[in-house]
PDB file of N, CA and C in Angstrom:
ATOM      1  N   UNK A   1     135.721 -67.132  -1.183  1.00  0.00           N
ATOM      2  CA  UNK A   1     134.770 -66.662  -2.181  1.00  0.00           C
ATOM      3  C   UNK A   1     134.761 -65.146  -2.239  1.00  0.00           C
ATOM      4  N   UNK A   2     135.622 -64.497  -1.463  1.00  0.00           N
ATOM      5  CA  UNK A   2     135.675 -63.042  -1.511  1.00  0.00           C
ATOM      6  C   UNK A   2     134.761 -62.355  -0.515  1.00  0.00           C
ATOM      7  N   UNK A   3     134.032 -63.093   0.291  1.00  0.00           N
ATOM      8  CA  UNK A   3     133.148 -62.495   1.284  1.00  0.00           C
ATOM      9  C   UNK A   3     133.904 -62.288   2.586  1.00  0.00           C
ATOM     10  N   UNK A   4     133.566 -61.255   3.298  1.00  0.00           N
ATOM     11  CA  UNK A   4     134.162 -60.992   4.609  1.00  0.00           C
ATOM     12  C   UNK A   4     133.047 -60.685   5.600  1.00  0.00           C
ATOM     13  N   UNK A   5     132.284 -61.704   6.012  1.00  0.00           N
ATOM     14  CA  UNK A   5     131.168 -61.441   6.932  1.00  0.00           C
ATOM     15  C   UNK A   5     131.670 -60.982   8.294  1.00  0.00           C
ATOM     16  N   UNK A   6     130.866 -60.136   8.931  1.00  0.00           N
ATOM     17  CA  UNK A   6     131.183 -59.643  10.273  1.00  0.00           C
ATOM     18  C   UNK A   6     130.009 -59.938  11.185  1.00  0.00           C
ATOM     19  N   UNK A   7     130.300 -60.309  12.400  1.00  0.00           N
ATOM     20  CA  UNK A   7     129.244 -60.575  13.374  1.00  0.00           C
ATOM     21  C   UNK A   7     128.625 -59.265  13.829  1.00  0.00           C
ATOM     22  N   UNK A   8     127.294 -59.160  13.736  1.00  0.00           N
ATOM     23  CA  UNK A   8     126.584 -57.997  14.257  1.00  0.00           C
ATOM     24  C   UNK A   8     126.234 -58.199  15.725  1.00  0.00           C
ATOM     25  N   UNK A   9     125.827 -59.423  16.040  1.00  0.00           N
ATOM     26  CA  UNK A   9     125.380 -59.752  17.389  1.00  0.00           C
ATOM     27  C   UNK A   9     125.938 -61.120  17.740  1.00  0.00           C
ATOM     28  N   UNK A  10     126.409 -61.281  18.963  1.00  0.00           N
ATOM     29  CA  UNK A  10     126.858 -62.589  19.439  1.00  0.00           C
ATOM     30  C   UNK A  10     125.985 -62.979  20.618  1.00  0.00           C
ATOM     31  N   UNK A  11     125.392 -64.155  20.539  1.00  0.00           N
ATOM     32  CA  UNK A  11     124.518 -64.659  21.594  1.00  0.00           C
ATOM     33  C   UNK A  11     124.860 -66.101  21.906  1.00  0.00           C
ATOM     34  N   UNK A  12     124.512 -66.545  23.090  1.00  0.00           N
ATOM     35  CA  UNK A  12     124.682 -67.943  23.467  1.00  0.00           C
ATOM     36  C   UNK A  12     123.365 -68.703  23.420  1.00  0.00           C
ATOM     37  N   UNK A  13     122.270 -68.026  23.162  1.00  0.00           N
ATOM     38  CA  UNK A  13     120.950 -68.637  23.200  1.00  0.00           C
ATOM     39  C   UNK A  13     120.483 -68.896  21.767  1.00  0.00           C
ATOM     40  N   UNK A  14     120.426 -70.164  21.378  1.00  0.00           N
ATOM     41  CA  UNK A  14     120.126 -70.552  20.002  1.00  0.00           C
ATOM     42  C   UNK A  14     118.771 -70.042  19.543  1.00  0.00           C
ATOM     43  N   UNK A  15     117.747 -70.147  20.384  1.00  0.00           N
ATOM     44  CA  UNK A  15     116.406 -69.721  19.975  1.00  0.00           C
ATOM     45  C   UNK A  15     116.356 -68.217  19.713  1.00  0.00           C
ATOM     46  N   UNK A  16     117.100 -67.435  20.478  1.00  0.00           N
ATOM     47  CA  UNK A  16     117.151 -65.992  20.235  1.00  0.00           C
ATOM     48  C   UNK A  16     117.815 -65.708  18.891  1.00  0.00           C
ATOM     49  N   UNK A  17     118.854 -66.466  18.564  1.00  0.00           N
ATOM     50  CA  UNK A  17     119.527 -66.282  17.283  1.00  0.00           C
ATOM     51  C   UNK A  17     118.585 -66.630  16.136  1.00  0.00           C
ATOM     52  N   UNK A  18     117.823 -67.712  16.282  1.00  0.00           N
ATOM     53  CA  UNK A  18     116.854 -68.080  15.244  1.00  0.00           C
ATOM     54  C   UNK A  18     115.817 -66.973  15.061  1.00  0.00           C
ATOM     55  N   UNK A  19     115.374 -66.382  16.159  1.00  0.00           N
ATOM     56  CA  UNK A  19     114.393 -65.292  16.072  1.00  0.00           C
ATOM     57  C   UNK A  19     114.960 -64.090  15.337  1.00  0.00           C
ATOM     58  N   UNK A  20     116.235 -63.768  15.595  1.00  0.00           N
ATOM     59  CA  UNK A  20     116.862 -62.643  14.894  1.00  0.00           C
ATOM     60  C   UNK A  20     116.988 -62.926  13.401  1.00  0.00           C
ATOM     61  N   UNK A  21     117.337 -64.149  13.040  1.00  0.00           N
ATOM     62  CA  UNK A  21     117.420 -64.512  11.628  1.00  0.00           C
ATOM     63  C   UNK A  21     116.036 -64.406  10.991  1.00  0.00           C
ATOM     64  N   UNK A  22     115.011 -64.897  11.667  1.00  0.00           N
ATOM     65  CA  UNK A  22     113.643 -64.820  11.142  1.00  0.00           C
ATOM     66  C   UNK A  22     113.189 -63.366  10.979  1.00  0.00           C
ATOM     67  N   UNK A  23     113.751 -62.454  11.790  1.00  0.00           N
ATOM     68  CA  UNK A  23     113.407 -61.033  11.709  1.00  0.00           C
ATOM     69  C   UNK A  23     114.309 -60.281  10.730  1.00  0.00           C
ATOM     70  N   UNK A  24     115.031 -61.003   9.889  1.00  0.00           N
ATOM     71  CA  UNK A  24     115.873 -60.424   8.823  1.00  0.00           C
ATOM     72  C   UNK A  24     117.138 -59.749   9.319  1.00  0.00           C
ATOM     73  N   UNK A  25     117.693 -60.198  10.440  1.00  0.00           N
ATOM     74  CA  UNK A  25     118.960 -59.652  10.910  1.00  0.00           C
ATOM     75  C   UNK A  25     120.157 -60.332  10.271  1.00  0.00           C
ATOM     76  N   UNK A  26     119.933 -61.267   9.372  1.00  0.00           N
ATOM     77  CA  UNK A  26     121.040 -61.925   8.695  1.00  0.00           C
ATOM     78  C   UNK A  26     120.932 -63.428   8.801  1.00  0.00           C
ATOM     79  N   UNK A  27     122.078 -64.082   8.830  1.00  0.00           N
ATOM     80  CA  UNK A  27     122.151 -65.538   8.902  1.00  0.00           C
ATOM     81  C   UNK A  27     122.954 -65.920  10.136  1.00  0.00           C
ATOM     82  N   UNK A  28     122.880 -67.180  10.507  1.00  0.00           N
ATOM     83  CA  UNK A  28     123.612 -67.646  11.680  1.00  0.00           C
ATOM     84  C   UNK A  28     124.108 -69.059  11.438  1.00  0.00           C
ATOM     85  N   UNK A  29     125.251 -69.367  11.999  1.00  0.00           N
ATOM     86  CA  UNK A  29     125.752 -70.741  12.020  1.00  0.00           C
ATOM     87  C   UNK A  29     125.462 -71.257  13.422  1.00  0.00           C
ATOM     88  N   UNK A  30     124.628 -72.291  13.482  1.00  0.00           N
ATOM     89  CA  UNK A  30     124.143 -72.808  14.757  1.00  0.00           C
ATOM     90  C   UNK A  30     124.346 -74.311  14.839  1.00  0.00           C
ATOM     91  N   UNK A  31     124.308 -74.860  16.043  1.00  0.00           N
ATOM     92  CA  UNK A  31     124.321 -76.322  16.157  1.00  0.00           C
ATOM     93  C   UNK A  31     123.081 -76.893  15.475  1.00  0.00           C
ATOM     94  N   UNK A  32     123.226 -78.035  14.858  1.00  0.00           N
ATOM     95  CA  UNK A  32     122.108 -78.677  14.174  1.00  0.00           C
ATOM     96  C   UNK A  32     121.280 -79.412  15.222  1.00  0.00           C
ATOM     97  N   UNK A  33     120.382 -78.664  15.893  1.00  0.00           N
ATOM     98  CA  UNK A  33     119.588 -79.244  16.969  1.00  0.00           C
ATOM     99  C   UNK A  33     118.128 -79.441  16.588  1.00  0.00           C
ATOM    100  N   UNK A  34     117.781 -79.166  15.334  1.00  0.00           N
ATOM    101  CA  UNK A  34     116.402 -79.328  14.868  1.00  0.00           C
ATOM    102  C   UNK A  34     116.408 -80.272  13.680  1.00  0.00           C
ATOM    103  N   UNK A  35     116.470 -81.589  13.924  1.00  0.00           N
ATOM    104  CA  UNK A  35     116.520 -82.516  12.798  1.00  0.00           C
ATOM    105  C   UNK A  35     115.235 -82.546  11.986  1.00  0.00           C
ATOM    106  N   UNK A  36     114.119 -82.097  12.557  1.00  0.00           N
ATOM    107  CA  UNK A  36     112.838 -82.088  11.857  1.00  0.00           C
ATOM    108  C   UNK A  36     112.561 -80.683  11.340  1.00  0.00           C
ATOM    109  N   UNK A  37     112.739 -80.435  10.014  1.00  0.00           N
ATOM    110  CA  UNK A  37     112.559 -79.082   9.477  1.00  0.00           C
ATOM    111  C   UNK A  37     111.142 -78.547   9.643  1.00  0.00           C
ATOM    112  N   UNK A  38     110.143 -79.399   9.885  1.00  0.00           N
ATOM    113  CA  UNK A  38     108.774 -78.905  10.068  1.00  0.00           C
ATOM    114  C   UNK A  38     108.613 -78.189  11.398  1.00  0.00           C
ATOM    115  N   UNK A  39     109.579 -78.340  12.315  1.00  0.00           N
ATOM    116  CA  UNK A  39     109.519 -77.657  13.612  1.00  0.00           C
ATOM    117  C   UNK A  39     110.131 -76.262  13.566  1.00  0.00           C
ATOM    118  N   UNK A  40     110.698 -75.870  12.430  1.00  0.00           N
ATOM    119  CA  UNK A  40     111.303 -74.547  12.298  1.00  0.00           C
ATOM    120  C   UNK A  40     110.232 -73.481  12.114  1.00  0.00           C
ATOM    121  N   UNK A  41     110.595 -72.254  12.470  1.00  0.00           N
ATOM    122  CA  UNK A  41     109.710 -71.131  12.190  1.00  0.00           C
ATOM    123  C   UNK A  41     109.535 -71.013  10.676  1.00  0.00           C
ATOM    124  N   UNK A  42     108.376 -70.552  10.213  1.00  0.00           N
ATOM    125  CA  UNK A  42     108.127 -70.481   8.763  1.00  0.00           C
ATOM    126  C   UNK A  42     109.136 -69.620   7.995  1.00  0.00           C
ATOM    127  N   UNK A  43     109.741 -68.638   8.653  1.00  0.00           N
ATOM    128  CA  UNK A  43     110.664 -67.730   7.961  1.00  0.00           C
ATOM    129  C   UNK A  43     112.106 -68.253   7.958  1.00  0.00           C
ATOM    130  N   UNK A  44     112.344 -69.466   8.438  1.00  0.00           N
ATOM    131  CA  UNK A  44     113.695 -70.002   8.511  1.00  0.00           C
ATOM    132  C   UNK A  44     113.881 -71.185   7.576  1.00  0.00           C
ATOM    133  N   UNK A  45     115.088 -71.294   7.062  1.00  0.00           N
ATOM    134  CA  UNK A  45     115.499 -72.467   6.294  1.00  0.00           C
ATOM    135  C   UNK A  45     116.725 -73.049   6.974  1.00  0.00           C
ATOM    136  N   UNK A  46     116.796 -74.362   6.997  1.00  0.00           N
ATOM    137  CA  UNK A  46     117.914 -75.051   7.612  1.00  0.00           C
ATOM    138  C   UNK A  46     118.742 -75.711   6.525  1.00  0.00           C
ATOM    139  N   UNK A  47     120.038 -75.429   6.504  1.00  0.00           N
ATOM    140  CA  UNK A  47     120.939 -76.030   5.530  1.00  0.00           C
ATOM    141  C   UNK A  47     122.165 -76.567   6.248  1.00  0.00           C
ATOM    142  N   UNK A  48     122.329 -77.880   6.266  1.00  0.00           N
ATOM    143  CA  UNK A  48     123.524 -78.443   6.909  1.00  0.00           C
ATOM    144  C   UNK A  48     124.793 -77.994   6.178  1.00  0.00           C
ATOM    145  N   UNK A  49     125.855 -77.802   6.913  1.00  0.00           N
ATOM    146  CA  UNK A  49     127.129 -77.408   6.311  1.00  0.00           C
ATOM    147  C   UNK A  49     127.851 -78.638   5.783  1.00  0.00           C
ATOM    148  N   UNK A  50     128.423 -78.498   4.606  1.00  0.00           N
ATOM    149  CA  UNK A  50     129.212 -79.569   4.001  1.00  0.00           C
ATOM    150  C   UNK A  50     130.536 -78.965   3.561  1.00  0.00           C
ATOM    151  N   UNK A  51     131.660 -79.381   4.058  1.00  0.00           N
ATOM    152  CA  UNK A  51     131.810 -80.406   5.081  1.00  0.00           C
ATOM    153  C   UNK A  51     131.356 -79.870   6.435  1.00  0.00           C
ATOM    154  N   UNK A  52     130.982 -80.774   7.299  1.00  0.00           N
ATOM    155  CA  UNK A  52     130.521 -80.397   8.632  1.00  0.00           C
ATOM    156  C   UNK A  52     131.663 -79.755   9.413  1.00  0.00           C
ATOM    157  N   UNK A  53     131.340 -78.800  10.254  1.00  0.00           N
ATOM    158  CA  UNK A  53     132.341 -78.165  11.106  1.00  0.00           C
ATOM    159  C   UNK A  53     132.497 -78.985  12.382  1.00  0.00           C
ATOM    160  N   UNK A  54     133.719 -79.189  12.850  1.00  0.00           N
ATOM    161  CA  UNK A  54     133.882 -79.924  14.113  1.00  0.00           C
ATOM    162  C   UNK A  54     133.428 -79.050  15.276  1.00  0.00           C
ATOM    163  N   UNK A  55     132.957 -79.677  16.303  1.00  0.00           N
ATOM    164  CA  UNK A  55     132.560 -78.960  17.508  1.00  0.00           C
ATOM    165  C   UNK A  55     133.332 -79.554  18.676  1.00  0.00           C
ATOM    166  N   UNK A  56     134.224 -78.772  19.223  1.00  0.00           N
ATOM    167  CA  UNK A  56     135.050 -79.225  20.330  1.00  0.00           C
ATOM    168  C   UNK A  56     134.305 -78.957  21.632  1.00  0.00           C
ATOM    169  N   UNK A  57     134.185 -79.978  22.446  1.00  0.00           N
ATOM    170  CA  UNK A  57     133.512 -79.829  23.727  1.00  0.00           C
ATOM    171  C   UNK A  57     134.412 -80.339  24.830  1.00  0.00           C
ATOM    172  N   UNK A  58     134.124 -79.946  26.018  1.00  0.00           N
ATOM    173  CA  UNK A  58     134.876 -80.400  27.169  1.00  0.00           C
ATOM    174  C   UNK A  58     133.918 -80.760  28.290  1.00  0.00           C
ATOM    175  N   UNK A  59     134.439 -81.327  29.326  1.00  0.00           N
ATOM    176  CA  UNK A  59     133.637 -81.728  30.471  1.00  0.00           C
ATOM    177  C   UNK A  59     134.175 -81.008  31.695  1.00  0.00           C
ATOM    178  N   UNK A  60     133.300 -80.340  32.414  1.00  0.00           N
ATOM    179  CA  UNK A  60     133.683 -79.680  33.664  1.00  0.00           C
ATOM    180  C   UNK A  60     133.166 -80.533  34.819  1.00  0.00           C
ATOM    181  N   UNK A  61     134.024 -80.753  35.795  1.00  0.00           N
ATOM    182  CA  UNK A  61     133.607 -81.525  36.967  1.00  0.00           C
ATOM    183  C   UNK A  61     134.448 -81.124  38.161  1.00  0.00           C
ATOM    184  N   UNK A  62     133.961 -81.495  39.323  1.00  0.00           N
ATOM    185  CA  UNK A  62     134.712 -81.243  40.560  1.00  0.00           C
ATOM    186  C   UNK A  62     135.947 -82.133  40.578  1.00  0.00           C
ATOM    187  N   UNK A  63     136.881 -81.893  41.483  1.00  0.00           N
ATOM    188  CA  UNK A  63     138.054 -82.769  41.585  1.00  0.00           C
ATOM    189  C   UNK A  63     137.623 -84.228  41.750  1.00  0.00           C
ATOM    190  N   UNK A  64     138.356 -85.138  41.117  1.00  0.00           N
ATOM    191  CA  UNK A  64     137.996 -86.558  41.131  1.00  0.00           C
ATOM    192  C   UNK A  64     137.812 -87.099  42.542  1.00  0.00           C
ATOM    193  N   UNK A  65     138.635 -86.648  43.474  1.00  0.00           N
ATOM    194  CA  UNK A  65     138.547 -87.162  44.839  1.00  0.00           C
ATOM    195  C   UNK A  65     137.212 -86.826  45.496  1.00  0.00           C
ATOM    196  N   UNK A  66     136.505 -85.819  45.004  1.00  0.00           N
ATOM    197  CA  UNK A  66     135.229 -85.410  45.622  1.00  0.00           C
ATOM    198  C   UNK A  66     134.011 -85.975  44.897  1.00  0.00           C
ATOM    199  N   UNK A  67     134.223 -86.695  43.797  1.00  0.00           N
ATOM    200  CA  UNK A  67     133.088 -87.211  43.020  1.00  0.00           C
ATOM    201  C   UNK A  67     132.552 -88.507  43.612  1.00  0.00           C
ATOM    202  N   UNK A  68     131.248 -88.695  43.464  1.00  0.00           N
ATOM    203  CA  UNK A  68     130.632 -89.951  43.877  1.00  0.00           C
ATOM    204  C   UNK A  68     130.946 -91.011  42.822  1.00  0.00           C
ATOM    205  N   UNK A  69     130.680 -92.269  43.154  1.00  0.00           N
ATOM    206  CA  UNK A  69     131.008 -93.377  42.260  1.00  0.00           C
ATOM    207  C   UNK A  69     130.330 -93.296  40.909  1.00  0.00           C
ATOM    208  N   UNK A  70     129.054 -92.907  40.875  1.00  0.00           N
ATOM    209  CA  UNK A  70     128.329 -92.831  39.604  1.00  0.00           C
ATOM    210  C   UNK A  70     128.969 -91.794  38.681  1.00  0.00           C
ATOM    211  N   UNK A  71     129.342 -90.638  39.238  1.00  0.00           N
ATOM    212  CA  UNK A  71     129.980 -89.597  38.424  1.00  0.00           C
ATOM    213  C   UNK A  71     131.332 -90.053  37.898  1.00  0.00           C
ATOM    214  N   UNK A  72     132.101 -90.720  38.740  1.00  0.00           N
ATOM    215  CA  UNK A  72     133.411 -91.232  38.305  1.00  0.00           C
ATOM    216  C   UNK A  72     133.240 -92.276  37.199  1.00  0.00           C
ATOM    217  N   UNK A  73     132.260 -93.156  37.337  1.00  0.00           N
ATOM    218  CA  UNK A  73     132.004 -94.161  36.300  1.00  0.00           C
ATOM    219  C   UNK A  73     131.559 -93.506  35.001  1.00  0.00           C
ATOM    220  N   UNK A  74     130.731 -92.480  35.107  1.00  0.00           N
ATOM    221  CA  UNK A  74     130.278 -91.753  33.923  1.00  0.00           C
ATOM    222  C   UNK A  74     131.461 -91.130  33.193  1.00  0.00           C
ATOM    223  N   UNK A  75     132.357 -90.495  33.941  1.00  0.00           N
ATOM    224  CA  UNK A  75     133.545 -89.901  33.330  1.00  0.00           C
ATOM    225  C   UNK A  75     134.433 -90.964  32.688  1.00  0.00           C
ATOM    226  N   UNK A  76     134.531 -92.124  33.319  1.00  0.00           N
ATOM    227  CA  UNK A  76     135.342 -93.206  32.753  1.00  0.00           C
ATOM    228  C   UNK A  76     134.756 -93.683  31.423  1.00  0.00           C
ATOM    229  N   UNK A  77     133.442 -93.761  31.342  1.00  0.00           N
ATOM    230  CA  UNK A  77     132.797 -94.159  30.087  1.00  0.00           C
ATOM    231  C   UNK A  77     133.047 -93.111  29.011  1.00  0.00           C
ATOM    232  N   UNK A  78     132.898 -91.844  29.371  1.00  0.00           N
ATOM    233  CA  UNK A  78     133.165 -90.779  28.390  1.00  0.00           C
ATOM    234  C   UNK A  78     134.605 -90.804  27.908  1.00  0.00           C
ATOM    235  N   UNK A  79     135.515 -91.137  28.791  1.00  0.00           N
ATOM    236  CA  UNK A  79     136.936 -91.198  28.448  1.00  0.00           C
ATOM    237  C   UNK A  79     137.191 -92.175  27.301  1.00  0.00           C
ATOM    238  N   UNK A  80     136.389 -93.231  27.219  1.00  0.00           N
ATOM    239  CA  UNK A  80     136.550 -94.226  26.159  1.00  0.00           C
ATOM    240  C   UNK A  80     136.273 -93.643  24.775  1.00  0.00           C
ATOM    241  N   UNK A  81     135.548 -92.540  24.723  1.00  0.00           N
ATOM    242  CA  UNK A  81     135.176 -91.942  23.439  1.00  0.00           C
ATOM    243  C   UNK A  81     136.042 -90.741  23.083  1.00  0.00           C
ATOM    244  N   UNK A  82     137.068 -90.469  23.869  1.00  0.00           N
ATOM    245  CA  UNK A  82     137.952 -89.337  23.593  1.00  0.00           C
ATOM    246  C   UNK A  82     138.540 -89.498  22.199  1.00  0.00           C
ATOM    247  N   UNK A  83     138.542 -88.419  21.407  1.00  0.00           N
ATOM    248  CA  UNK A  83     138.975 -88.513  20.019  1.00  0.00           C
ATOM    249  C   UNK A  83     140.154 -87.625  19.684  1.00  0.00           C
ATOM    250  N   UNK A  84     140.638 -86.825  20.601  1.00  0.00           N
ATOM    251  CA  UNK A  84     141.743 -85.940  20.257  1.00  0.00           C
ATOM    252  C   UNK A  84     143.002 -86.757  20.016  1.00  0.00           C
ATOM    253  N   UNK A  85     143.756 -86.417  18.957  1.00  0.00           N
ATOM    254  CA  UNK A  85     144.972 -87.173  18.635  1.00  0.00           C
ATOM    255  C   UNK A  85     145.985 -87.093  19.771  1.00  0.00           C
ATOM    256  N   UNK A  86     146.585 -88.211  20.061  1.00  0.00           N
ATOM    257  CA  UNK A  86     147.636 -88.245  21.068  1.00  0.00           C
ATOM    258  C   UNK A  86     147.139 -88.141  22.490  1.00  0.00           C
ATOM    259  N   UNK A  87     145.825 -88.206  22.692  1.00  0.00           N
ATOM    260  CA  UNK A  87     145.317 -88.072  24.054  1.00  0.00           C
ATOM    261  C   UNK A  87     145.615 -89.332  24.854  1.00  0.00           C
ATOM    262  N   UNK A  88     145.835 -89.138  26.128  1.00  0.00           N
ATOM    263  CA  UNK A  88     146.125 -90.261  27.015  1.00  0.00           C
ATOM    264  C   UNK A  88     144.963 -90.422  27.983  1.00  0.00           C
ATOM    265  N   UNK A  89     144.613 -91.641  28.259  1.00  0.00           N
ATOM    266  CA  UNK A  89     143.553 -91.899  29.221  1.00  0.00           C
ATOM    267  C   UNK A  89     144.136 -91.759  30.615  1.00  0.00           C
ATOM    268  N   UNK A  90     143.552 -90.836  31.393  1.00  0.00           N
ATOM    269  CA  UNK A  90     144.143 -90.533  32.698  1.00  0.00           C
ATOM    270  C   UNK A  90     143.204 -90.836  33.857  1.00  0.00           C
ATOM    271  N   UNK A  91     141.934 -91.024  33.616  1.00  0.00           N
ATOM    272  CA  UNK A  91     140.973 -91.203  34.691  1.00  0.00           C
ATOM    273  C   UNK A  91     141.027 -92.631  35.235  1.00  0.00           C
ATOM    274  N   UNK A  92     141.126 -92.722  36.517  1.00  0.00           N
ATOM    275  CA  UNK A  92     141.092 -94.044  37.180  1.00  0.00           C
ATOM    276  C   UNK A  92     139.868 -94.074  38.059  1.00  0.00           C
ATOM    277  N   UNK A  93     139.068 -95.135  37.956  1.00  0.00           N
ATOM    278  CA  UNK A  93     137.824 -95.195  38.718  1.00  0.00           C
ATOM    279  C   UNK A  93     137.972 -95.958  40.024  1.00  0.00           C
ATOM    280  N   UNK A  94     139.114 -96.545  40.296  1.00  0.00           N
ATOM    281  CA  UNK A  94     139.272 -97.323  41.542  1.00  0.00           C
ATOM    282  C   UNK A  94     139.991 -96.514  42.584  1.00  0.00           C
TER     283      UNK A  94
END
């Protein structure tokens, strides 16, 4: 569209970013963590992005050999939902 936005401030804390937007520091692209718009600050508007942006996440854990059974089972369940193309299931729980 011909726009070239530049980041003025980069933060990892969503509530701080919302406060800056409410104080007229600009706009922010944030995770959609407030499904109820009545919980937003009065000076904020929430607009979902269309199309939605993908959010890539990962899981950090200790080496498998050091994990307890519950953690290993949890990782095995998460493995079933892996969506990256061509990914191979590598976790063994036994």
